[in-house]
């Protein structure tokens, strides 16, 4: 999935901002797809056990909360400030080993973020911050 196929909302962005969002996001898209999208996008892949009671209730609530706090399917519609803030929060959560949750990593070993991958996320976050700061000048 490319960012171009993300949910469209009534937003007006300069083409240079759209190019930045796409280029920047391309660097980390695969990481987020395997580690975050099940709870933080509209592309949730629910495993077979996720349809069984009471697991289905837990997953439904967990995914709803995840999308409320961050939804990568709406990334393009977020302001530069919000993208910068969310990117910072992503780095904090990964650094503190709070995200992806241990229970998710237990069942999805590909979601584990190793130190090299974390550095890619950190560089991406720094780009988001610089872009926002430059947009305020």
N, C-alpha and C. Protein backbone atom coordinates (compact mmCIF):
# COMPACT_ATOMS: atom_id res chain seq x y z
N UNK A 1 0.85 -1.17 0.00
CA UNK A 1 0.00 0.00 0.00
C UNK A 1 0.89 1.23 0.00
N UNK A 2 0.62 2.15 -0.87
CA UNK A 2 1.37 3.39 -0.86
C UNK A 2 0.54 4.46 -0.18
N UNK A 3 1.20 5.49 0.21
CA UNK A 3 0.50 6.56 0.91
C UNK A 3 -0.54 7.21 -0.01
N UNK A 4 -0.35 7.11 -1.31
CA UNK A 4 -1.32 7.67 -2.24
C UNK A 4 -2.68 6.98 -2.12
N UNK A 5 -2.70 5.75 -1.67
CA UNK A 5 -3.95 5.03 -1.56
C UNK A 5 -4.58 5.18 -0.18
N UNK A 6 -3.97 6.00 0.68
CA UNK A 6 -4.53 6.20 2.00
C UNK A 6 -5.84 6.97 1.91
N UNK A 7 -6.64 6.87 2.96
CA UNK A 7 -7.93 7.56 2.99
C UNK A 7 -7.76 9.02 2.63
N UNK A 8 -8.59 9.48 1.70
CA UNK A 8 -8.57 10.89 1.32
C UNK A 8 -9.55 11.65 2.20
N UNK A 9 -9.14 12.78 2.65
CA UNK A 9 -10.02 13.66 3.40
C UNK A 9 -9.94 15.01 2.71
N UNK A 10 -10.87 15.89 3.02
CA UNK A 10 -10.90 17.19 2.35
C UNK A 10 -9.77 18.05 2.90
N UNK A 11 -8.60 17.83 2.34
CA UNK A 11 -7.43 18.60 2.75
C UNK A 11 -6.80 19.22 1.51
N UNK A 12 -6.08 20.25 1.73
CA UNK A 12 -5.40 20.92 0.63
C UNK A 12 -3.93 21.04 1.01
N UNK A 13 -3.11 20.27 0.35
CA UNK A 13 -1.68 20.30 0.63
C UNK A 13 -0.93 20.76 -0.61
N UNK A 14 0.14 21.48 -0.39
CA UNK A 14 1.02 21.86 -1.48
C UNK A 14 1.66 20.59 -2.04
N UNK A 15 1.95 20.59 -3.33
CA UNK A 15 2.57 19.41 -3.92
C UNK A 15 3.91 19.10 -3.28
N UNK A 16 4.64 20.12 -2.85
CA UNK A 16 5.93 19.87 -2.20
C UNK A 16 5.73 19.14 -0.88
N UNK A 17 4.64 19.47 -0.15
CA UNK A 17 4.37 18.77 1.10
C UNK A 17 3.96 17.33 0.83
N UNK A 18 3.15 17.12 -0.19
CA UNK A 18 2.75 15.76 -0.54
C UNK A 18 3.97 14.92 -0.94
N UNK A 19 4.87 15.53 -1.69
CA UNK A 19 6.10 14.82 -2.08
C UNK A 19 6.93 14.47 -0.85
N UNK A 20 7.06 15.42 0.08
CA UNK A 20 7.81 15.15 1.30
C UNK A 20 7.17 14.00 2.07
N UNK A 21 5.85 14.05 2.25
CA UNK A 21 5.15 13.01 3.01
C UNK A 21 5.40 11.65 2.38
N UNK A 22 5.26 11.56 1.04
CA UNK A 22 5.44 10.28 0.36
C UNK A 22 6.88 9.80 0.47
N UNK A 23 7.84 10.65 0.16
CA UNK A 23 9.25 10.25 0.19
C UNK A 23 9.67 9.84 1.60
N UNK A 24 9.28 10.64 2.56
CA UNK A 24 9.63 10.36 3.95
C UNK A 24 8.99 9.06 4.42
N UNK A 25 7.72 8.90 4.13
CA UNK A 25 6.98 7.73 4.59
C UNK A 25 7.49 6.45 3.93
N UNK A 26 7.93 6.54 2.70
CA UNK A 26 8.46 5.36 2.00
C UNK A 26 9.58 4.69 2.78
N UNK A 27 10.36 5.48 3.53
CA UNK A 27 11.50 4.96 4.28
C UNK A 27 11.08 4.01 5.40
N UNK A 28 9.89 4.21 5.94
CA UNK A 28 9.47 3.45 7.12
C UNK A 28 8.18 2.65 6.90
N UNK A 29 7.60 2.76 5.74
CA UNK A 29 6.31 2.13 5.48
C UNK A 29 6.32 0.63 5.78
N UNK A 30 7.31 -0.07 5.30
CA UNK A 30 7.38 -1.53 5.51
C UNK A 30 7.46 -1.86 7.00
N UNK A 31 8.22 -1.07 7.74
CA UNK A 31 8.35 -1.30 9.19
C UNK A 31 6.99 -1.15 9.85
N UNK A 32 6.31 -0.05 9.54
CA UNK A 32 5.01 0.20 10.15
C UNK A 32 3.96 -0.82 9.71
N UNK A 33 4.02 -1.24 8.45
CA UNK A 33 3.06 -2.25 7.97
C UNK A 33 3.16 -3.53 8.79
N UNK A 34 4.37 -4.00 9.05
CA UNK A 34 4.50 -5.27 9.77
C UNK A 34 4.41 -5.14 11.28
N UNK A 35 4.68 -3.94 11.81
CA UNK A 35 4.73 -3.78 13.26
C UNK A 35 3.57 -3.00 13.85
N UNK A 36 2.86 -2.23 13.03
CA UNK A 36 1.88 -1.29 13.58
C UNK A 36 0.50 -1.33 12.93
N UNK A 37 0.44 -1.69 11.66
CA UNK A 37 -0.81 -1.52 10.91
C UNK A 37 -2.00 -2.29 11.47
N UNK A 38 -1.78 -3.44 12.08
CA UNK A 38 -2.93 -4.22 12.55
C UNK A 38 -3.76 -3.45 13.57
N UNK A 39 -3.15 -2.56 14.31
CA UNK A 39 -3.89 -1.77 15.31
C UNK A 39 -3.97 -0.29 14.95
N UNK A 40 -3.08 0.17 14.08
CA UNK A 40 -2.99 1.60 13.81
C UNK A 40 -3.22 1.94 12.34
N UNK A 41 -4.14 1.24 11.70
CA UNK A 41 -4.52 1.58 10.32
C UNK A 41 -5.90 0.97 10.06
N UNK A 42 -6.42 1.27 8.89
CA UNK A 42 -7.69 0.66 8.49
C UNK A 42 -7.46 -0.68 7.81
N UNK A 43 -6.24 -1.18 7.84
CA UNK A 43 -5.87 -2.45 7.20
C UNK A 43 -5.55 -3.51 8.24
N UNK A 44 -6.47 -3.75 9.13
CA UNK A 44 -6.26 -4.73 10.20
C UNK A 44 -6.42 -6.14 9.64
N UNK A 45 -5.44 -6.97 9.91
CA UNK A 45 -5.48 -8.38 9.52
C UNK A 45 -5.82 -9.18 10.78
N UNK A 46 -7.07 -9.57 10.90
CA UNK A 46 -7.52 -10.27 12.10
C UNK A 46 -7.28 -11.76 11.92
N UNK A 47 -6.52 -12.38 12.83
CA UNK A 47 -6.27 -13.82 12.74
C UNK A 47 -7.56 -14.59 13.08
N UNK A 48 -7.59 -15.84 12.73
CA UNK A 48 -8.79 -16.66 12.93
C UNK A 48 -9.27 -16.65 14.38
N UNK A 49 -8.34 -16.71 15.32
CA UNK A 49 -8.74 -16.71 16.73
C UNK A 49 -9.33 -15.36 17.15
N UNK A 50 -9.11 -14.33 16.35
CA UNK A 50 -9.62 -13.01 16.66
C UNK A 50 -11.12 -12.86 16.47
N UNK A 51 -11.73 -13.89 15.91
CA UNK A 51 -13.17 -13.86 15.71
C UNK A 51 -13.91 -14.61 16.83
N UNK A 52 -13.17 -15.21 17.72
CA UNK A 52 -13.77 -15.99 18.81
C UNK A 52 -13.96 -15.15 20.06
N UNK A 53 -15.07 -15.36 20.71
CA UNK A 53 -15.36 -14.69 21.98
C UNK A 53 -14.47 -15.27 23.06
N UNK A 54 -13.90 -14.54 23.95
CA UNK A 54 -13.93 -13.09 24.16
C UNK A 54 -12.78 -12.35 23.48
N UNK A 55 -11.94 -13.08 22.73
CA UNK A 55 -10.80 -12.45 22.07
C UNK A 55 -11.28 -11.35 21.12
N UNK A 56 -12.40 -11.60 20.44
CA UNK A 56 -12.89 -10.61 19.50
C UNK A 56 -13.22 -9.28 20.18
N UNK A 57 -13.74 -9.33 21.39
CA UNK A 57 -14.05 -8.10 22.13
C UNK A 57 -12.78 -7.34 22.49
N UNK A 58 -11.77 -8.08 22.94
CA UNK A 58 -10.49 -7.46 23.29
C UNK A 58 -9.87 -6.81 22.06
N UNK A 59 -9.82 -7.54 20.95
CA UNK A 59 -9.19 -7.01 19.74
C UNK A 59 -9.95 -5.81 19.20
N UNK A 60 -11.26 -5.88 19.21
CA UNK A 60 -12.07 -4.77 18.72
C UNK A 60 -11.77 -3.49 19.52
N UNK A 61 -11.74 -3.63 20.82
CA UNK A 61 -11.46 -2.48 21.69
C UNK A 61 -10.03 -1.99 21.49
N UNK A 62 -9.08 -2.91 21.43
CA UNK A 62 -7.67 -2.56 21.28
C UNK A 62 -7.43 -1.83 19.95
N UNK A 63 -7.99 -2.34 18.88
CA UNK A 63 -7.80 -1.72 17.56
C UNK A 63 -8.48 -0.35 17.52
N UNK A 64 -9.65 -0.23 18.10
CA UNK A 64 -10.34 1.07 18.13
C UNK A 64 -9.50 2.11 18.85
N UNK A 65 -8.94 1.73 20.00
CA UNK A 65 -8.08 2.65 20.75
C UNK A 65 -6.82 2.98 19.95
N UNK A 66 -6.26 1.98 19.29
CA UNK A 66 -5.06 2.20 18.49
C UNK A 66 -5.30 3.19 17.36
N UNK A 67 -6.40 3.00 16.64
CA UNK A 67 -6.73 3.91 15.54
C UNK A 67 -7.04 5.31 16.03
N UNK A 68 -7.62 5.40 17.21
CA UNK A 68 -7.95 6.71 17.75
C UNK A 68 -6.68 7.51 18.06
N UNK A 69 -5.67 6.84 18.56
CA UNK A 69 -4.43 7.53 18.92
C UNK A 69 -3.55 7.79 17.70
N UNK A 70 -3.57 6.89 16.73
CA UNK A 70 -2.75 7.01 15.52
C UNK A 70 -3.33 6.09 14.46
N UNK A 71 -3.63 6.67 13.31
CA UNK A 71 -4.13 5.86 12.20
C UNK A 71 -3.29 6.18 10.97
N UNK A 72 -2.41 5.25 10.61
CA UNK A 72 -1.54 5.47 9.45
C UNK A 72 -2.34 5.64 8.17
N UNK A 73 -3.56 5.15 8.11
CA UNK A 73 -4.39 5.32 6.92
C UNK A 73 -4.80 6.79 6.75
N UNK A 74 -4.64 7.58 7.77
CA UNK A 74 -4.98 9.00 7.71
C UNK A 74 -3.75 9.89 7.81
N UNK A 75 -2.56 9.31 7.70
CA UNK A 75 -1.32 10.05 7.91
C UNK A 75 -1.24 11.30 7.05
N UNK A 76 -1.63 11.18 5.80
CA UNK A 76 -1.53 12.30 4.87
C UNK A 76 -2.45 13.45 5.28
N UNK A 77 -3.52 13.15 5.98
CA UNK A 77 -4.46 14.20 6.36
C UNK A 77 -4.04 14.94 7.63
N UNK A 78 -3.05 14.40 8.35
CA UNK A 78 -2.58 15.06 9.56
C UNK A 78 -1.76 16.30 9.21
N UNK A 79 -1.84 17.31 10.05
CA UNK A 79 -1.01 18.51 9.86
C UNK A 79 0.45 18.16 10.08
N UNK A 80 1.34 19.02 9.61
CA UNK A 80 2.78 18.81 9.82
C UNK A 80 3.08 18.74 11.31
N UNK A 81 2.41 19.57 12.10
CA UNK A 81 2.63 19.55 13.55
C UNK A 81 2.20 18.21 14.14
N UNK A 82 1.04 17.73 13.74
CA UNK A 82 0.56 16.45 14.28
C UNK A 82 1.46 15.31 13.84
N UNK A 83 1.90 15.31 12.58
CA UNK A 83 2.81 14.26 12.11
C UNK A 83 4.10 14.28 12.92
N UNK A 84 4.62 15.46 13.19
CA UNK A 84 5.86 15.58 13.97
C UNK A 84 5.64 15.06 15.39
N UNK A 85 4.53 15.45 15.99
CA UNK A 85 4.21 15.00 17.36
C UNK A 85 4.03 13.49 17.41
N UNK A 86 3.28 12.94 16.47
CA UNK A 86 3.06 11.49 16.45
C UNK A 86 4.35 10.74 16.20
N UNK A 87 5.19 11.25 15.31
CA UNK A 87 6.47 10.59 15.04
C UNK A 87 7.32 10.55 16.30
N UNK A 88 7.33 11.65 17.06
CA UNK A 88 8.06 11.68 18.32
C UNK A 88 7.49 10.64 19.29
N UNK A 89 6.17 10.56 19.38
CA UNK A 89 5.53 9.59 20.27
C UNK A 89 5.82 8.16 19.84
N UNK A 90 5.88 7.92 18.54
CA UNK A 90 6.22 6.58 18.04
C UNK A 90 7.61 6.19 18.53
N UNK A 91 8.56 7.10 18.37
CA UNK A 91 9.93 6.82 18.81
C UNK A 91 9.96 6.54 20.31
N UNK A 92 9.27 7.35 21.09
CA UNK A 92 9.23 7.13 22.54
C UNK A 92 8.66 5.75 22.87
N UNK A 93 7.55 5.40 22.26
CA UNK A 93 6.89 4.12 22.55
C UNK A 93 7.77 2.93 22.16
N UNK A 94 8.43 3.03 21.03
CA UNK A 94 9.31 1.93 20.59
C UNK A 94 10.54 1.87 21.50
N UNK A 95 11.10 3.02 21.82
CA UNK A 95 12.29 3.07 22.67
C UNK A 95 12.00 2.49 24.06
N UNK A 96 10.81 2.73 24.58
CA UNK A 96 10.41 2.21 25.89
C UNK A 96 9.89 0.78 25.82
N UNK A 97 9.93 0.20 24.62
CA UNK A 97 9.45 -1.17 24.37
C UNK A 97 7.97 -1.34 24.70
N UNK A 98 7.22 -0.24 24.60
CA UNK A 98 5.77 -0.29 24.83
C UNK A 98 5.04 -0.64 23.54
N UNK A 99 5.66 -0.35 22.40
CA UNK A 99 5.07 -0.65 21.11
C UNK A 99 6.12 -1.30 20.23
N UNK A 100 5.73 -2.27 19.44
CA UNK A 100 4.49 -3.01 19.54
C UNK A 100 4.40 -3.71 20.90
N UNK A 101 3.18 -3.93 21.37
CA UNK A 101 3.01 -4.59 22.68
C UNK A 101 3.63 -5.98 22.70
N UNK A 102 4.10 -6.38 23.85
CA UNK A 102 4.73 -7.69 24.00
C UNK A 102 3.79 -8.81 23.56
N UNK A 103 2.51 -8.69 23.88
CA UNK A 103 1.55 -9.74 23.49
C UNK A 103 1.45 -9.86 21.98
N UNK A 104 1.58 -8.74 21.27
CA UNK A 104 1.54 -8.77 19.81
C UNK A 104 2.81 -9.40 19.25
N UNK A 105 3.95 -9.00 19.80
CA UNK A 105 5.23 -9.53 19.33
C UNK A 105 5.34 -11.03 19.58
N UNK A 106 4.70 -11.50 20.64
CA UNK A 106 4.72 -12.92 20.95
C UNK A 106 4.11 -13.74 19.81
N UNK A 107 3.06 -13.20 19.22
CA UNK A 107 2.36 -13.90 18.15
C UNK A 107 2.79 -13.46 16.75
N UNK A 108 3.52 -12.35 16.66
CA UNK A 108 3.95 -11.80 15.37
C UNK A 108 5.43 -11.42 15.46
N UNK A 109 6.29 -12.40 15.34
CA UNK A 109 7.73 -12.14 15.52
C UNK A 109 8.28 -11.14 14.51
N UNK A 110 7.65 -10.99 13.35
CA UNK A 110 8.12 -10.02 12.36
C UNK A 110 7.90 -8.59 12.82
N UNK A 111 7.08 -8.40 13.83
CA UNK A 111 6.79 -7.06 14.34
C UNK A 111 7.89 -6.52 15.25
N UNK A 112 8.79 -7.39 15.66
CA UNK A 112 9.87 -6.96 16.56
C UNK A 112 10.75 -5.94 15.86
N UNK A 113 11.04 -4.85 16.56
CA UNK A 113 11.85 -3.77 16.00
C UNK A 113 13.25 -3.84 16.61
N UNK A 114 14.21 -4.22 15.77
CA UNK A 114 15.59 -4.35 16.24
C UNK A 114 16.26 -2.97 16.26
N UNK A 115 17.45 -2.86 16.85
CA UNK A 115 18.12 -1.56 16.96
C UNK A 115 18.35 -0.85 15.62
N UNK A 116 18.70 -1.59 14.60
CA UNK A 116 18.93 -0.97 13.28
C UNK A 116 17.62 -0.39 12.73
N UNK A 117 16.56 -1.13 12.88
CA UNK A 117 15.25 -0.66 12.42
C UNK A 117 14.80 0.54 13.23
N UNK A 118 15.07 0.50 14.53
CA UNK A 118 14.72 1.65 15.37
C UNK A 118 15.44 2.91 14.89
N UNK A 119 16.69 2.78 14.48
CA UNK A 119 17.43 3.95 13.99
C UNK A 119 16.79 4.54 12.74
N UNK A 120 16.24 3.69 11.87
CA UNK A 120 15.51 4.19 10.69
C UNK A 120 14.30 5.00 11.13
N UNK A 121 13.59 4.49 12.11
CA UNK A 121 12.41 5.20 12.62
C UNK A 121 12.84 6.52 13.25
N UNK A 122 13.92 6.50 13.97
CA UNK A 122 14.43 7.72 14.63
C UNK A 122 14.81 8.76 13.57
N UNK A 123 15.50 8.36 12.51
CA UNK A 123 15.87 9.30 11.45
C UNK A 123 14.62 9.87 10.79
N UNK A 124 13.63 9.01 10.56
CA UNK A 124 12.36 9.46 9.99
C UNK A 124 11.70 10.49 10.90
N UNK A 125 11.69 10.23 12.19
CA UNK A 125 11.09 11.15 13.16
C UNK A 125 11.81 12.50 13.11
N UNK A 126 13.11 12.48 13.02
CA UNK A 126 13.87 13.72 12.95
C UNK A 126 13.53 14.52 11.70
N UNK A 127 13.30 13.81 10.58
CA UNK A 127 12.87 14.48 9.34
C UNK A 127 11.51 15.15 9.54
N UNK A 128 10.61 14.45 10.22
CA UNK A 128 9.28 15.01 10.46
C UNK A 128 9.40 16.28 11.30
N UNK A 129 10.24 16.24 12.29
CA UNK A 129 10.44 17.39 13.17
C UNK A 129 11.04 18.57 12.40
N UNK A 130 12.08 18.29 11.60
CA UNK A 130 12.71 19.36 10.80
C UNK A 130 11.71 19.97 9.83
N UNK A 131 10.93 19.12 9.19
CA UNK A 131 9.96 19.62 8.23
C UNK A 131 8.97 20.56 8.92
N UNK A 132 8.47 20.15 10.07
CA UNK A 132 7.54 21.00 10.80
C UNK A 132 8.19 22.32 11.21
N UNK A 133 9.39 22.24 11.77
CA UNK A 133 10.08 23.46 12.19
C UNK A 133 10.32 24.41 11.01
N UNK A 134 10.70 23.86 9.87
CA UNK A 134 10.92 24.69 8.69
C UNK A 134 9.63 25.28 8.16
N UNK A 135 8.54 24.58 8.33
CA UNK A 135 7.25 25.09 7.85
C UNK A 135 6.75 26.25 8.69
N UNK A 136 7.33 26.44 9.86
CA UNK A 136 6.92 27.51 10.76
C UNK A 136 7.71 28.79 10.54
N UNK A 137 8.73 28.73 9.68
CA UNK A 137 9.58 29.90 9.45
C UNK A 137 8.94 30.84 8.45
